[in-house]
């Protein structure tokens, strides 16, 4: 075996070693990035669920207050409208959808005696 063949053999072995090492490092990096992305997605989902729950709670609280008082004031209508729109945009549905018609049926102010 001459010098050129030895150099070619060593160079081929080094290239294989470097390529394998780079692939190993890259695989670890990709795995770490995937775990990080999944963690961030889970955190974002939890935040979305939390906000949706808070909006739902506020909408229900507003509804029960208005029902108890027998009045659906302009201010309450404005607040409920903004929250309801955001709630629906975030994917909320169910019981809250059934409350809107009931609120709309309430008077805007107390009847004068």
Protein backbone atom coordinates (compact mmCIF):
# COMPACT_ATOMS: atom_id res chain seq x y z
CA UNK A 1 0.00 0.00 0.00
CA UNK A 2 1.48 3.31 -1.03
CA UNK A 3 1.20 6.67 0.70
CA UNK A 4 -1.65 7.94 -1.49
CA UNK A 5 -3.75 4.88 -0.70
CA UNK A 6 -3.12 5.27 3.04
CA UNK A 7 -4.04 8.94 2.91
CA UNK A 8 -7.23 8.13 0.95
CA UNK A 9 -8.14 5.41 3.47
CA UNK A 10 -7.53 7.68 6.48
CA UNK A 11 -9.40 10.56 4.83
CA UNK A 12 -12.36 8.29 4.09
CA UNK A 13 -12.40 7.07 7.68
CA UNK A 14 -12.20 10.62 9.02
CA UNK A 15 -15.03 11.74 6.75
CA UNK A 16 -17.18 8.87 7.99
CA UNK A 17 -16.34 9.73 11.60
CA UNK A 18 -17.04 13.45 11.12
CA UNK A 19 -20.27 12.75 9.25
CA UNK A 20 -21.46 10.32 11.94
CA UNK A 21 -20.58 12.77 14.71
CA UNK A 22 -22.40 15.62 12.98
CA UNK A 23 -25.46 13.46 12.41
CA UNK A 24 -25.44 12.41 16.07
CA UNK A 25 -25.22 16.05 17.21
CA UNK A 26 -27.90 17.13 14.74
CA UNK A 27 -30.24 14.35 15.86
CA UNK A 28 -29.83 15.46 19.49
CA UNK A 29 -30.48 19.08 18.53
CA UNK A 30 -33.61 18.17 16.57
CA UNK A 31 -34.89 16.03 19.44
CA UNK A 32 -34.29 18.86 21.92
CA UNK A 33 -36.03 21.38 19.65
CA UNK A 34 -39.02 19.05 19.25
CA UNK A 35 -39.32 18.67 23.05
CA UNK A 36 -39.02 22.45 23.49
CA UNK A 37 -41.69 23.10 20.83
CA UNK A 38 -44.06 20.57 22.42
CA UNK A 39 -43.51 22.17 25.84
CA UNK A 40 -44.24 25.65 24.42
CA UNK A 41 -47.37 24.36 22.65
CA UNK A 42 -48.60 22.78 25.90
CA UNK A 43 -47.96 26.03 27.77
CA UNK A 44 -49.80 28.05 25.12
CA UNK A 45 -52.74 25.62 25.22
CA UNK A 46 -52.88 25.92 29.01
CA UNK A 47 -52.88 29.73 28.77
CA UNK A 48 -55.64 29.64 26.16
CA UNK A 49 -57.71 27.31 28.34
CA UNK A 50 -57.14 29.53 31.35
CA UNK A 51 -58.23 32.67 29.50
CA UNK A 52 -61.24 30.89 28.07
CA UNK A 53 -62.22 29.71 31.55
CA UNK A 54 -61.81 33.21 33.01
CA UNK A 55 -63.93 34.72 30.23
CA UNK A 56 -66.60 32.05 30.77
CA UNK A 57 -66.61 32.71 34.51
CA UNK A 58 -66.92 36.46 33.95
CA UNK A 59 -69.74 36.00 31.43
CA UNK A 60 -71.65 33.77 33.84
CA UNK A 61 -71.08 36.18 36.71
CA UNK A 62 -72.35 39.06 34.56
CA UNK A 63 -75.39 37.05 33.53
CA UNK A 64 -76.34 36.08 37.08
CA UNK A 65 -75.87 39.67 38.28
CA UNK A 66 -78.14 41.03 35.56
CA UNK A 67 -80.70 38.29 36.11
CA UNK A 68 -80.73 38.95 39.86
CA UNK A 69 -81.13 42.72 39.34
CA UNK A 70 -83.60 42.27 36.50
CA UNK A 71 -81.72 44.83 34.41
CA UNK A 72 -79.20 44.52 31.58
CA UNK A 73 -77.57 47.96 31.62
CA UNK A 74 -75.76 49.53 28.69
CA UNK A 75 -72.46 49.10 30.50
CA UNK A 76 -73.21 45.41 31.12
CA UNK A 77 -74.18 45.01 27.47
CA UNK A 78 -70.89 46.55 26.36
CA UNK A 79 -68.77 44.39 28.69
CA UNK A 80 -70.74 41.25 27.89
CA UNK A 81 -70.50 41.95 24.15
CA UNK A 82 -66.71 42.37 24.23
CA UNK A 83 -66.17 39.29 26.38
CA UNK A 84 -68.64 37.21 24.40
CA UNK A 85 -66.92 38.08 21.10
CA UNK A 86 -63.48 37.18 22.51
CA UNK A 87 -64.89 34.03 24.10
CA UNK A 88 -66.36 32.85 20.80
CA UNK A 89 -63.18 33.74 18.88
CA UNK A 90 -61.16 31.59 21.29
CA UNK A 91 -63.47 28.63 20.71
CA UNK A 92 -65.93 28.99 23.57
CA UNK A 93 -69.43 27.63 23.17
CA UNK A 94 -72.13 25.76 25.07
CA UNK A 95 -74.01 27.31 27.97
CA UNK A 96 -72.79 30.83 27.19
CA UNK A 97 -74.56 30.71 23.81
CA UNK A 98 -77.85 30.10 25.60
CA UNK A 99 -77.42 33.11 27.91
CA UNK A 100 -77.31 35.84 25.25
CA UNK A 101 -81.01 35.64 24.30
CA UNK A 102 -82.00 35.60 27.97
CA UNK A 103 -79.94 38.72 28.64
CA UNK A 104 -81.32 40.49 25.58
CA UNK A 105 -84.83 39.92 26.95
CA UNK A 106 -84.02 41.90 30.12
CA UNK A 107 -84.81 45.63 30.15
CA UNK A 108 -81.97 48.12 29.73
CA UNK A 109 -83.06 50.04 32.80
CA UNK A 110 -85.54 49.61 35.61
CA UNK A 111 -89.07 50.68 34.72
CA UNK A 112 -90.01 54.03 36.28
CA UNK A 113 -92.84 53.90 38.84
